[in-house]
Amino acid sequence: MWMEIGTVNDIPKLGARVVQSGQGDIAIFRTADDEIFALFDRCPHKGGALSQGIVHGKAVACPLHNWNIDLVTGEVKGPDNGCSRTVPVSVSGDIIRLQMPDVKATGTHG
């Protein structure tokens, strides 16, 4: 099921917004080019909140140990290994939708 979670402008450029789901928090990221990506808000290394990381290009750096996570695939960029689960995103106009059940907005981080 696709759930509307807000607009592109609700997320600061190079920032993130967190939404809650029955499966855990999801971080919605906005790149400098206004692309939108979603990952579960947990680094595969030590569980750091990816929503608190620094977005650069199409990646986010975990705030705990600077692991770089690819926003497209969820894969950790070498030399480290691991993967964060991606969440399908749809943007129509400026409306963002996630393909997740039970999603509620909780706030913005930038």
PDB file of N, CA and C in Angstrom:
ATOM      1  N   MET A   1       0.837  -1.179   0.000  1.00  0.00           N
ATOM      2  CA  MET A   1       0.000   0.000   0.000  1.00  0.00           C
ATOM      3  C   MET A   1       0.887   1.250   0.000  1.00  0.00           C
ATOM      4  N   TRP A   2       0.561   2.203  -0.850  1.00  0.00           N
ATOM      5  CA  TRP A   2       1.309   3.465  -0.923  1.00  0.00           C
ATOM      6  C   TRP A   2       0.686   4.464   0.041  1.00  0.00           C
ATOM      7  N   MET A   3       1.525   5.077   0.870  1.00  0.00           N
ATOM      8  CA  MET A   3       1.063   6.051   1.859  1.00  0.00           C
ATOM      9  C   MET A   3       1.710   7.402   1.573  1.00  0.00           C
ATOM     10  N   GLU A   4       0.898   8.455   1.511  1.00  0.00           N
ATOM     11  CA  GLU A   4       1.430   9.805   1.352  1.00  0.00           C
ATOM     12  C   GLU A   4       2.053  10.235   2.675  1.00  0.00           C
ATOM     13  N   ILE A   5       3.303  10.735   2.613  1.00  0.00           N
ATOM     14  CA  ILE A   5       3.984  11.115   3.858  1.00  0.00           C
ATOM     15  C   ILE A   5       4.387  12.590   3.889  1.00  0.00           C
ATOM     16  N   GLY A   6       4.096  13.336   2.823  1.00  0.00           N
ATOM     17  CA  GLY A   6       4.427  14.757   2.815  1.00  0.00           C
ATOM     18  C   GLY A   6       4.888  15.202   1.438  1.00  0.00           C
ATOM     19  N   THR A   7       5.552  16.352   1.428  1.00  0.00           N
ATOM     20  CA  THR A   7       6.031  16.907   0.165  1.00  0.00           C
ATOM     21  C   THR A   7       7.558  16.978   0.169  1.00  0.00           C
ATOM     22  N   VAL A   8       8.103  17.151  -1.016  1.00  0.00           N
ATOM     23  CA  VAL A   8       9.562  17.285  -1.164  1.00  0.00           C
ATOM     24  C   VAL A   8      10.062  18.441  -0.297  1.00  0.00           C
ATOM     25  N   ASN A   9       9.312  19.544  -0.258  1.00  0.00           N
ATOM     26  CA  ASN A   9       9.745  20.712   0.507  1.00  0.00           C
ATOM     27  C   ASN A   9       9.670  20.520   2.019  1.00  0.00           C
ATOM     28  N   ASP A  10       9.048  19.430   2.485  1.00  0.00           N
ATOM     29  CA  ASP A  10       9.041  19.114   3.913  1.00  0.00           C
ATOM     30  C   ASP A  10      10.414  18.631   4.393  1.00  0.00           C
ATOM     31  N   ILE A  11      11.260  18.254   3.445  1.00  0.00           N
ATOM     32  CA  ILE A  11      12.586  17.731   3.773  1.00  0.00           C
ATOM     33  C   ILE A  11      13.628  18.743   3.299  1.00  0.00           C
ATOM     34  N   PRO A  12      14.508  19.197   4.183  1.00  0.00           N
ATOM     35  CA  PRO A  12      15.537  20.144   3.733  1.00  0.00           C
ATOM     36  C   PRO A  12      16.501  19.483   2.757  1.00  0.00           C
ATOM     37  N   LYS A  13      17.020  20.264   1.810  1.00  0.00           N
ATOM     38  CA  LYS A  13      18.047  19.729   0.911  1.00  0.00           C
ATOM     39  C   LYS A  13      19.182  19.170   1.754  1.00  0.00           C
ATOM     40  N   LEU A  14      19.684  17.999   1.361  1.00  0.00           N
ATOM     41  CA  LEU A  14      20.764  17.290   2.064  1.00  0.00           C
ATOM     42  C   LEU A  14      20.365  16.924   3.490  1.00  0.00           C
ATOM     43  N   GLY A  15      19.055  16.764   3.705  1.00  0.00           N
ATOM     44  CA  GLY A  15      18.553  16.411   5.030  1.00  0.00           C
ATOM     45  C   GLY A  15      17.657  15.200   4.978  1.00  0.00           C
ATOM     46  N   ALA A  16      16.996  14.935   6.100  1.00  0.00           N
ATOM     47  CA  ALA A  16      16.134  13.762   6.209  1.00  0.00           C
ATOM     48  C   ALA A  16      14.930  14.060   7.085  1.00  0.00           C
ATOM     49  N   ARG A  17      13.905  13.270   6.907  1.00  0.00           N
ATOM     50  CA  ARG A  17      12.707  13.287   7.736  1.00  0.00           C
ATOM     51  C   ARG A  17      12.477  11.853   8.180  1.00  0.00           C
ATOM     52  N   VAL A  18      12.018  11.658   9.374  1.00  0.00           N
ATOM     53  CA  VAL A  18      11.773  10.317   9.897  1.00  0.00           C
ATOM     54  C   VAL A  18      10.275  10.058   9.956  1.00  0.00           C
ATOM     55  N   VAL A  19       9.867   8.892   9.475  1.00  0.00           N
ATOM     56  CA  VAL A  19       8.490   8.433   9.634  1.00  0.00           C
ATOM     57  C   VAL A  19       8.530   7.101  10.356  1.00  0.00           C
ATOM     58  N   GLN A  20       7.469   6.828  11.107  1.00  0.00           N
ATOM     59  CA  GLN A  20       7.381   5.567  11.828  1.00  0.00           C
ATOM     60  C   GLN A  20       6.514   4.603  11.048  1.00  0.00           C
ATOM     61  N   SER A  21       6.883   3.333  11.117  1.00  0.00           N
ATOM     62  CA  SER A  21       6.054   2.284  10.540  1.00  0.00           C
ATOM     63  C   SER A  21       6.018   1.130  11.535  1.00  0.00           C
ATOM     64  N   GLY A  22       5.145   0.197  11.302  1.00  0.00           N
ATOM     65  CA  GLY A  22       5.069  -0.979  12.150  1.00  0.00           C
ATOM     66  C   GLY A  22       6.320  -1.827  12.084  1.00  0.00           C
ATOM     67  N   GLN A  23       7.162  -1.565  11.092  1.00  0.00           N
ATOM     68  CA  GLN A  23       8.390  -2.332  10.908  1.00  0.00           C
ATOM     69  C   GLN A  23       9.636  -1.572  11.369  1.00  0.00           C
ATOM     70  N   GLY A  24       9.468  -0.367  11.905  1.00  0.00           N
ATOM     71  CA  GLY A  24      10.597   0.434  12.368  1.00  0.00           C
ATOM     72  C   GLY A  24      10.633   1.792  11.708  1.00  0.00           C
ATOM     73  N   ASP A  25      11.475   2.677  12.242  1.00  0.00           N
ATOM     74  CA  ASP A  25      11.593   4.029  11.690  1.00  0.00           C
ATOM     75  C   ASP A  25      12.198   3.987  10.287  1.00  0.00           C
ATOM     76  N   ILE A  26      11.704   4.896   9.449  1.00  0.00           N
ATOM     77  CA  ILE A  26      12.188   5.019   8.078  1.00  0.00           C
ATOM     78  C   ILE A  26      12.710   6.437   7.895  1.00  0.00           C
ATOM     79  N   ALA A  27      13.893   6.563   7.324  1.00  0.00           N
ATOM     80  CA  ALA A  27      14.473   7.865   7.024  1.00  0.00           C
ATOM     81  C   ALA A  27      14.226   8.175   5.554  1.00  0.00           C
ATOM     82  N   ILE A  28      13.657   9.356   5.294  1.00  0.00           N
ATOM     83  CA  ILE A  28      13.410   9.830   3.935  1.00  0.00           C
ATOM     84  C   ILE A  28      14.447  10.912   3.667  1.00  0.00           C
ATOM     85  N   PHE A  29      15.274  10.731   2.643  1.00  0.00           N
ATOM     86  CA  PHE A  29      16.377  11.643   2.348  1.00  0.00           C
ATOM     87  C   PHE A  29      16.099  12.462   1.099  1.00  0.00           C
ATOM     88  N   ARG A  30      16.596  13.708   1.097  1.00  0.00           N
ATOM     89  CA  ARG A  30      16.510  14.586  -0.077  1.00  0.00           C
ATOM     90  C   ARG A  30      17.929  14.991  -0.453  1.00  0.00           C
ATOM     91  N   THR A  31      18.304  14.738  -1.702  1.00  0.00           N
ATOM     92  CA  THR A  31      19.638  15.092  -2.171  1.00  0.00           C
ATOM     93  C   THR A  31      19.670  16.556  -2.625  1.00  0.00           C
ATOM     94  N   ALA A  32      20.851  17.031  -2.969  1.00  0.00           N
ATOM     95  CA  ALA A  32      21.004  18.396  -3.479  1.00  0.00           C
ATOM     96  C   ALA A  32      20.231  18.589  -4.781  1.00  0.00           C
ATOM     97  N   ASP A  33      20.016  17.496  -5.526  1.00  0.00           N
ATOM     98  CA  ASP A  33      19.288  17.538  -6.797  1.00  0.00           C
ATOM     99  C   ASP A  33      17.797  17.231  -6.617  1.00  0.00           C
ATOM    100  N   ASP A  34      17.309  17.288  -5.362  1.00  0.00           N
ATOM    101  CA  ASP A  34      15.903  17.062  -5.027  1.00  0.00           C
ATOM    102  C   ASP A  34      15.423  15.637  -5.300  1.00  0.00           C
ATOM    103  N   GLU A  35      16.347  14.680  -5.360  1.00  0.00           N
ATOM    104  CA  GLU A  35      15.937  13.287  -5.453  1.00  0.00           C
ATOM    105  C   GLU A  35      15.565  12.808  -4.048  1.00  0.00           C
ATOM    106  N   ILE A  36      14.597  11.904  -3.966  1.00  0.00           N
ATOM    107  CA  ILE A  36      14.103  11.398  -2.690  1.00  0.00           C
ATOM    108  C   ILE A  36      14.381   9.899  -2.600  1.00  0.00           C
ATOM    109  N   PHE A  37      14.923   9.484  -1.462  1.00  0.00           N
ATOM    110  CA  PHE A  37      15.226   8.077  -1.203  1.00  0.00           C
ATOM    111  C   PHE A  37      14.753   7.734   0.207  1.00  0.00           C
ATOM    112  N   ALA A  38      14.500   6.450   0.455  1.00  0.00           N
ATOM    113  CA  ALA A  38      14.077   6.016   1.782  1.00  0.00           C
ATOM    114  C   ALA A  38      14.801   4.738   2.179  1.00  0.00           C
ATOM    115  N   LEU A  39      15.282   4.734   3.418  1.00  0.00           N
ATOM    116  CA  LEU A  39      15.942   3.571   4.011  1.00  0.00           C
ATOM    117  C   LEU A  39      15.414   3.401   5.433  1.00  0.00           C
ATOM    118  N   PHE A  40      15.452   2.176   5.921  1.00  0.00           N
ATOM    119  CA  PHE A  40      15.183   2.007   7.341  1.00  0.00           C
ATOM    120  C   PHE A  40      16.269   2.759   8.091  1.00  0.00           C
ATOM    121  N   ASP A  41      15.886   3.460   9.147  1.00  0.00           N
ATOM    122  CA  ASP A  41      16.749   4.422   9.846  1.00  0.00           C
ATOM    123  C   ASP A  41      17.700   3.726  10.818  1.00  0.00           C
ATOM    124  N   ARG A  42      18.494   2.812  10.270  1.00  0.00           N
ATOM    125  CA  ARG A  42      19.394   2.028  11.112  1.00  0.00           C
ATOM    126  C   ARG A  42      20.608   1.596  10.303  1.00  0.00           C
ATOM    127  N   CYS A  43      21.772   2.024  10.723  1.00  0.00           N
ATOM    128  CA  CYS A  43      23.015   1.618  10.063  1.00  0.00           C
ATOM    129  C   CYS A  43      23.249   0.131  10.340  1.00  0.00           C
ATOM    130  N   PRO A  44      23.689  -0.638   9.333  1.00  0.00           N
ATOM    131  CA  PRO A  44      23.922  -2.061   9.557  1.00  0.00           C
ATOM    132  C   PRO A  44      25.124  -2.351  10.455  1.00  0.00           C
ATOM    133  N   HIS A  45      25.935  -1.350  10.744  1.00  0.00           N
ATOM    134  CA  HIS A  45      27.128  -1.539  11.563  1.00  0.00           C
ATOM    135  C   HIS A  45      26.783  -1.585  13.047  1.00  0.00           C
ATOM    136  N   LYS A  46      26.366  -0.456  13.613  1.00  0.00           N
ATOM    137  CA  LYS A  46      26.070  -0.369  15.047  1.00  0.00           C
ATOM    138  C   LYS A  46      24.675   0.201  15.323  1.00  0.00           C
ATOM    139  N   GLY A  47      23.838   0.273  14.285  1.00  0.00           N
ATOM    140  CA  GLY A  47      22.465   0.710  14.480  1.00  0.00           C
ATOM    141  C   GLY A  47      22.271   2.209  14.579  1.00  0.00           C
ATOM    142  N   GLY A  48      23.254   2.997  14.150  1.00  0.00           N
ATOM    143  CA  GLY A  48      23.135   4.450  14.201  1.00  0.00           C
ATOM    144  C   GLY A  48      21.960   4.955  13.379  1.00  0.00           C
ATOM    145  N   ALA A  49      21.390   6.083  13.787  1.00  0.00           N
ATOM    146  CA  ALA A  49      20.262   6.691  13.072  1.00  0.00           C
ATOM    147  C   ALA A  49      20.775   7.371  11.806  1.00  0.00           C
ATOM    148  N   LEU A  50      20.534   6.759  10.660  1.00  0.00           N
ATOM    149  CA  LEU A  50      21.005   7.322   9.389  1.00  0.00           C
ATOM    150  C   LEU A  50      20.402   8.690   9.122  1.00  0.00           C
ATOM    151  N   SER A  51      19.202   8.950   9.659  1.00  0.00           N
ATOM    152  CA  SER A  51      18.554  10.250   9.465  1.00  0.00           C
ATOM    153  C   SER A  51      19.377  11.388  10.069  1.00  0.00           C
ATOM    154  N   GLN A  52      20.280  11.075  10.981  1.00  0.00           N
ATOM    155  CA  GLN A  52      21.140  12.086  11.604  1.00  0.00           C
ATOM    156  C   GLN A  52      22.470  12.237  10.861  1.00  0.00           C
ATOM    157  N   GLY A  53      22.655  11.475   9.791  1.00  0.00           N
ATOM    158  CA  GLY A  53      23.897  11.502   9.033  1.00  0.00           C
ATOM    159  C   GLY A  53      23.949  12.627   8.025  1.00  0.00           C
ATOM    160  N   ILE A  54      25.087  12.720   7.359  1.00  0.00           N
ATOM    161  CA  ILE A  54      25.311  13.753   6.347  1.00  0.00           C
ATOM    162  C   ILE A  54      25.056  13.164   4.967  1.00  0.00           C
ATOM    163  N   VAL A  55      24.135  13.792   4.211  1.00  0.00           N
ATOM    164  CA  VAL A  55      23.831  13.368   2.851  1.00  0.00           C
ATOM    165  C   VAL A  55      24.851  14.013   1.918  1.00  0.00           C
ATOM    166  N   HIS A  56      25.445  13.184   1.058  1.00  0.00           N
ATOM    167  CA  HIS A  56      26.398  13.687   0.060  1.00  0.00           C
ATOM    168  C   HIS A  56      26.220  12.868  -1.204  1.00  0.00           C
ATOM    169  N   GLY A  57      25.965  13.557  -2.313  1.00  0.00           N
ATOM    170  CA  GLY A  57      25.655  12.842  -3.550  1.00  0.00           C
ATOM    171  C   GLY A  57      24.418  11.998  -3.333  1.00  0.00           C
ATOM    172  N   LYS A  58      24.519  10.698  -3.669  1.00  0.00           N
ATOM    173  CA  LYS A  58      23.416   9.757  -3.439  1.00  0.00           C
ATOM    174  C   LYS A  58      23.808   8.784  -2.332  1.00  0.00           C
ATOM    175  N   ALA A  59      24.386   9.328  -1.270  1.00  0.00           N
ATOM    176  CA  ALA A  59      24.803   8.513  -0.124  1.00  0.00           C
ATOM    177  C   ALA A  59      24.581   9.294   1.157  1.00  0.00           C
ATOM    178  N   VAL A  60      24.593   8.557   2.288  1.00  0.00           N
ATOM    179  CA  VAL A  60      24.514   9.182   3.602  1.00  0.00           C
ATOM    180  C   VAL A  60      25.617   8.573   4.457  1.00  0.00           C
ATOM    181  N   ALA A  61      26.280   9.420   5.242  1.00  0.00           N
ATOM    182  CA  ALA A  61      27.320   8.956   6.159  1.00  0.00           C
ATOM    183  C   ALA A  61      26.697   8.745   7.531  1.00  0.00           C
ATOM    184  N   CYS A  62      26.842   7.547   8.074  1.00  0.00           N
ATOM    185  CA  CYS A  62      26.313   7.259   9.406  1.00  0.00           C
ATOM    186  C   CYS A  62      26.989   8.174  10.417  1.00  0.00           C
ATOM    187  N   PRO A  63      26.219   8.767  11.345  1.00  0.00           N
ATOM    188  CA  PRO A  63      26.806   9.693  12.314  1.00  0.00           C
ATOM    189  C   PRO A  63      27.697   9.013  13.365  1.00  0.00           C
ATOM    190  N   LEU A  64      27.583   7.700  13.535  1.00  0.00           N
ATOM    191  CA  LEU A  64      28.383   7.025  14.561  1.00  0.00           C
ATOM    192  C   LEU A  64      29.818   6.748  14.124  1.00  0.00           C
ATOM    193  N   HIS A  65      29.985   6.097  12.981  1.00  0.00           N
ATOM    194  CA  HIS A  65      31.324   5.685  12.561  1.00  0.00           C
ATOM    195  C   HIS A  65      31.615   6.023  11.106  1.00  0.00           C
ATOM    196  N   ASN A  66      30.811   6.919  10.505  1.00  0.00           N
ATOM    197  CA  ASN A  66      31.042   7.438   9.160  1.00  0.00           C
ATOM    198  C   ASN A  66      30.961   6.386   8.063  1.00  0.00           C
ATOM    199  N   TRP A  67      30.234   5.303   8.289  1.00  0.00           N
ATOM    200  CA  TRP A  67      30.008   4.353   7.201  1.00  0.00           C
ATOM    201  C   TRP A  67      29.160   5.049   6.147  1.00  0.00           C
ATOM    202  N   ASN A  68      29.467   4.858   4.871  1.00  0.00           N
ATOM    203  CA  ASN A  68      28.731   5.474   3.782  1.00  0.00           C
ATOM    204  C   ASN A  68      27.752   4.473   3.190  1.00  0.00           C
ATOM    205  N   ILE A  69      26.476   4.847   3.197  1.00  0.00           N
ATOM    206  CA  ILE A  69      25.402   3.987   2.725  1.00  0.00           C
ATOM    207  C   ILE A  69      24.852   4.572   1.424  1.00  0.00           C
ATOM    208  N   ASP A  70      24.804   3.753   0.373  1.00  0.00           N
ATOM    209  CA  ASP A  70      24.254   4.163  -0.915  1.00  0.00           C
ATOM    210  C   ASP A  70      22.745   4.307  -0.765  1.00  0.00           C
ATOM    211  N   LEU A  71      22.200   5.482  -1.096  1.00  0.00           N
ATOM    212  CA  LEU A  71      20.766   5.731  -0.939  1.00  0.00           C
ATOM    213  C   LEU A  71      19.926   4.964  -1.958  1.00  0.00           C
ATOM    214  N   VAL A  72      20.512   4.614  -3.093  1.00  0.00           N
ATOM    215  CA  VAL A  72      19.772   3.891  -4.127  1.00  0.00           C
ATOM    216  C   VAL A  72      19.600   2.426  -3.761  1.00  0.00           C
ATOM    217  N   THR A  73      20.698   1.788  -3.313  1.00  0.00           N
ATOM    218  CA  THR A  73      20.689   0.342  -3.075  1.00  0.00           C
ATOM    219  C   THR A  73      20.635  -0.042  -1.607  1.00  0.00           C
ATOM    220  N   GLY A  74      21.017   0.867  -0.714  1.00  0.00           N
ATOM    221  CA  GLY A  74      21.128   0.546   0.699  1.00  0.00           C
ATOM    222  C   GLY A  74      22.448  -0.117   1.057  1.00  0.00           C
ATOM    223  N   GLU A  75      23.269  -0.407   0.059  1.00  0.00           N
ATOM    224  CA  GLU A  75      24.550  -1.081   0.278  1.00  0.00           C
ATOM    225  C   GLU A  75      25.563  -0.133   0.908  1.00  0.00           C
ATOM    226  N   VAL A  76      26.369  -0.684   1.819  1.00  0.00           N
ATOM    227  CA  VAL A  76      27.478   0.057   2.397  1.00  0.00           C
ATOM    228  C   VAL A  76      28.576   0.136   1.348  1.00  0.00           C
ATOM    229  N   LYS A  77      29.138   1.336   1.172  1.00  0.00           N
ATOM    230  CA  LYS A  77      30.231   1.514   0.214  1.00  0.00           C
ATOM    231  C   LYS A  77      31.524   1.045   0.862  1.00  0.00           C
ATOM    232  N   GLY A  78      32.371   0.341   0.088  1.00  0.00           N
ATOM    233  CA  GLY A  78      33.619  -0.240   0.582  1.00  0.00           C
ATOM    234  C   GLY A  78      34.496   0.773   1.284  1.00  0.00           C
ATOM    235  N   PRO A  79      35.388   0.312   2.142  1.00  0.00           N
ATOM    236  CA  PRO A  79      35.785  -1.085   2.317  1.00  0.00           C
ATOM    237  C   PRO A  79      34.875  -1.854   3.267  1.00  0.00           C
ATOM    238  N   ASP A  80      33.884  -1.208   3.876  1.00  0.00           N
ATOM    239  CA  ASP A  80      33.000  -1.882   4.828  1.00  0.00           C
ATOM    240  C   ASP A  80      31.934  -2.686   4.074  1.00  0.00           C
ATOM    241  N   ASN A  81      31.270  -3.593   4.765  1.00  0.00           N
ATOM    242  CA  ASN A  81      30.226  -4.422   4.167  1.00  0.00           C
ATOM    243  C   ASN A  81      28.960  -4.371   5.005  1.00  0.00           C
ATOM    244  N   GLY A  82      27.817  -4.439   4.328  1.00  0.00           N
ATOM    245  CA  GLY A  82      26.536  -4.445   5.009  1.00  0.00           C
ATOM    246  C   GLY A  82      25.485  -3.830   4.111  1.00  0.00           C
ATOM    247  N   CYS A  83      24.256  -3.807   4.592  1.00  0.00           N
ATOM    248  CA  CYS A  83      23.165  -3.261   3.785  1.00  0.00           C
ATOM    249  C   CYS A  83      22.051  -2.765   4.688  1.00  0.00           C
ATOM    250  N   SER A  84      21.527  -1.588   4.381  1.00  0.00           N
ATOM    251  CA  SER A  84      20.327  -1.061   5.020  1.00  0.00           C
ATOM    252  C   SER A  84      19.165  -1.333   4.073  1.00  0.00           C
ATOM    253  N   ARG A  85      18.029  -1.663   4.619  1.00  0.00           N
ATOM    254  CA  ARG A  85      16.866  -1.997   3.802  1.00  0.00           C
ATOM    255  C   ARG A  85      16.268  -0.742   3.176  1.00  0.00           C
ATOM    256  N   THR A  86      16.078  -0.768   1.859  1.00  0.00           N
ATOM    257  CA  THR A  86      15.461   0.351   1.156  1.00  0.00           C
ATOM    258  C   THR A  86      13.946   0.227   1.232  1.00  0.00           C
ATOM    259  N   VAL A  87      13.279   1.363   1.019  1.00  0.00           N
ATOM    260  CA  VAL A  87      11.817   1.416   0.992  1.00  0.00           C
ATOM    261  C   VAL A  87      11.435   2.082  -0.323  1.00  0.00           C
ATOM    262  N   PRO A  88      10.538   1.469  -1.118  1.00  0.00           N
ATOM    263  CA  PRO A  88      10.123   2.082  -2.378  1.00  0.00           C
ATOM    264  C   PRO A  88       9.495   3.457  -2.157  1.00  0.00           C
ATOM    265  N   VAL A  89       9.894   4.411  -3.009  1.00  0.00           N
ATOM    266  CA  VAL A  89       9.423   5.792  -2.933  1.00  0.00           C
ATOM    267  C   VAL A  89       8.807   6.178  -4.273  1.00  0.00           C
ATOM    268  N   SER A  90       7.730   6.935  -4.217  1.00  0.00           N
ATOM    269  CA  SER A  90       7.116   7.501  -5.407  1.00  0.00           C
ATOM    270  C   SER A  90       6.952   9.001  -5.173  1.00  0.00           C
ATOM    271  N   VAL A  91       7.377   9.808  -6.159  1.00  0.00           N
ATOM    272  CA  VAL A  91       7.180  11.256  -6.084  1.00  0.00           C
ATOM    273  C   VAL A  91       6.340  11.659  -7.284  1.00  0.00           C
ATOM    274  N   SER A  92       5.194  12.276  -6.997  1.00  0.00           N
ATOM    275  CA  SER A  92       4.297  12.746  -8.037  1.00  0.00           C
ATOM    276  C   SER A  92       4.078  14.235  -7.806  1.00  0.00           C
ATOM    277  N   GLY A  93       4.585  15.066  -8.736  1.00  0.00           N
ATOM    278  CA  GLY A  93       4.610  16.503  -8.477  1.00  0.00           C
ATOM    279  C   GLY A  93       5.594  16.709  -7.352  1.00  0.00           C
ATOM    280  N   ASP A  94       5.112  17.185  -6.204  1.00  0.00           N
ATOM    281  CA  ASP A  94       6.009  17.271  -5.034  1.00  0.00           C
ATOM    282  C   ASP A  94       5.533  16.386  -3.880  1.00  0.00           C
ATOM    283  N   ILE A  95       4.533  15.528  -4.135  1.00  0.00           N
ATOM    284  CA  ILE A  95       3.986  14.635  -3.109  1.00  0.00           C
ATOM    285  C   ILE A  95       4.833  13.362  -3.039  1.00  0.00           C
ATOM    286  N   ILE A  96       5.266  13.016  -1.815  1.00  0.00           N
ATOM    287  CA  ILE A  96       6.065  11.816  -1.592  1.00  0.00           C
ATOM    288  C   ILE A  96       5.164  10.722  -1.021  1.00  0.00           C
ATOM    289  N   ARG A  97       5.289   9.529  -1.588  1.00  0.00           N
ATOM    290  CA  ARG A  97       4.579   8.361  -1.076  1.00  0.00           C
ATOM    291  C   ARG A  97       5.586   7.237  -0.831  1.00  0.00           C
ATOM    292  N   LEU A  98       5.346   6.468   0.236  1.00  0.00           N
ATOM    293  CA  LEU A  98       6.154   5.294   0.547  1.00  0.00           C
ATOM    294  C   LEU A  98       5.299   4.054   0.383  1.00  0.00           C
ATOM    295  N   GLN A  99       5.908   2.986  -0.064  1.00  0.00           N
ATOM    296  CA  GLN A  99       5.196   1.721  -0.155  1.00  0.00           C
ATOM    297  C   GLN A  99       5.413   0.949   1.145  1.00  0.00           C
ATOM    298  N   MET A 100       4.703   1.378   2.189  1.00  0.00           N
ATOM    299  CA  MET A 100       4.829   0.780   3.515  1.00  0.00           C
ATOM    300  C   MET A 100       3.490   0.826   4.216  1.00  0.00           C
ATOM    301  N   PRO A 101       3.175  -0.193   4.996  1.00  0.00           N
ATOM    302  CA  PRO A 101       1.958  -0.119   5.798  1.00  0.00           C
ATOM    303  C   PRO A 101       2.190   0.694   7.069  1.00  0.00           C
ATOM    304  N   ASP A 102       1.159   1.281   7.628  1.00  0.00           N
ATOM    305  CA  ASP A 102       1.197   1.874   8.961  1.00  0.00           C
ATOM    306  C   ASP A 102       2.260   2.952   9.127  1.00  0.00           C
ATOM    307  N   VAL A 103       2.285   3.970   8.263  1.00  0.00           N
ATOM    308  CA  VAL A 103       3.306   5.012   8.321  1.00  0.00           C
ATOM    309  C   VAL A 103       2.729   6.288   8.916  1.00  0.00           C
ATOM    310  N   LYS A 104       3.477   6.903   9.875  1.00  0.00           N
ATOM    311  CA  LYS A 104       3.072   8.165  10.489  1.00  0.00           C
ATOM    312  C   LYS A 104       4.269   9.104  10.523  1.00  0.00           C
ATOM    313  N   ALA A 105       4.085  10.361  10.167  1.00  0.00           N
ATOM    314  CA  ALA A 105       5.164  11.344  10.212  1.00  0.00           C
ATOM    315  C   ALA A 105       5.479  11.693  11.657  1.00  0.00           C
ATOM    316  N   THR A 106       6.806  11.915  11.961  1.00  0.00           N
ATOM    317  CA  THR A 106       7.187  12.244  13.328  1.00  0.00           C
ATOM    318  C   THR A 106       8.002  13.518  13.439  1.00  0.00           C
ATOM    319  N   GLY A 107       8.592  14.005  12.365  1.00  0.00           N
ATOM    320  CA  GLY A 107       9.394  15.221  12.495  1.00  0.00           C
ATOM    321  C   GLY A 107      10.415  15.346  11.394  1.00  0.00           C
ATOM    322  N   THR A 108      11.137  16.446  11.404  1.00  0.00           N
ATOM    323  CA  THR A 108      12.135  16.725  10.383  1.00  0.00           C
ATOM    324  C   THR A 108      13.491  16.918  11.040  1.00  0.00           C
ATOM    325  N   HIS A 109      14.500  16.412  10.399  1.00  0.00           N
ATOM    326  CA  HIS A 109      15.885  16.597  10.833  1.00  0.00           C
ATOM    327  C   HIS A 109      16.650  17.178   9.663  1.00  0.00           C
ATOM    328  N   GLY A 110      17.629  18.046   9.923  1.00  0.00           N
ATOM    329  CA  GLY A 110      18.336  18.640   8.798  1.00  0.00           C
ATOM    330  C   GLY A 110      19.772  18.834   9.040  1.00  0.00           C
TER     331      GLY A 110
END
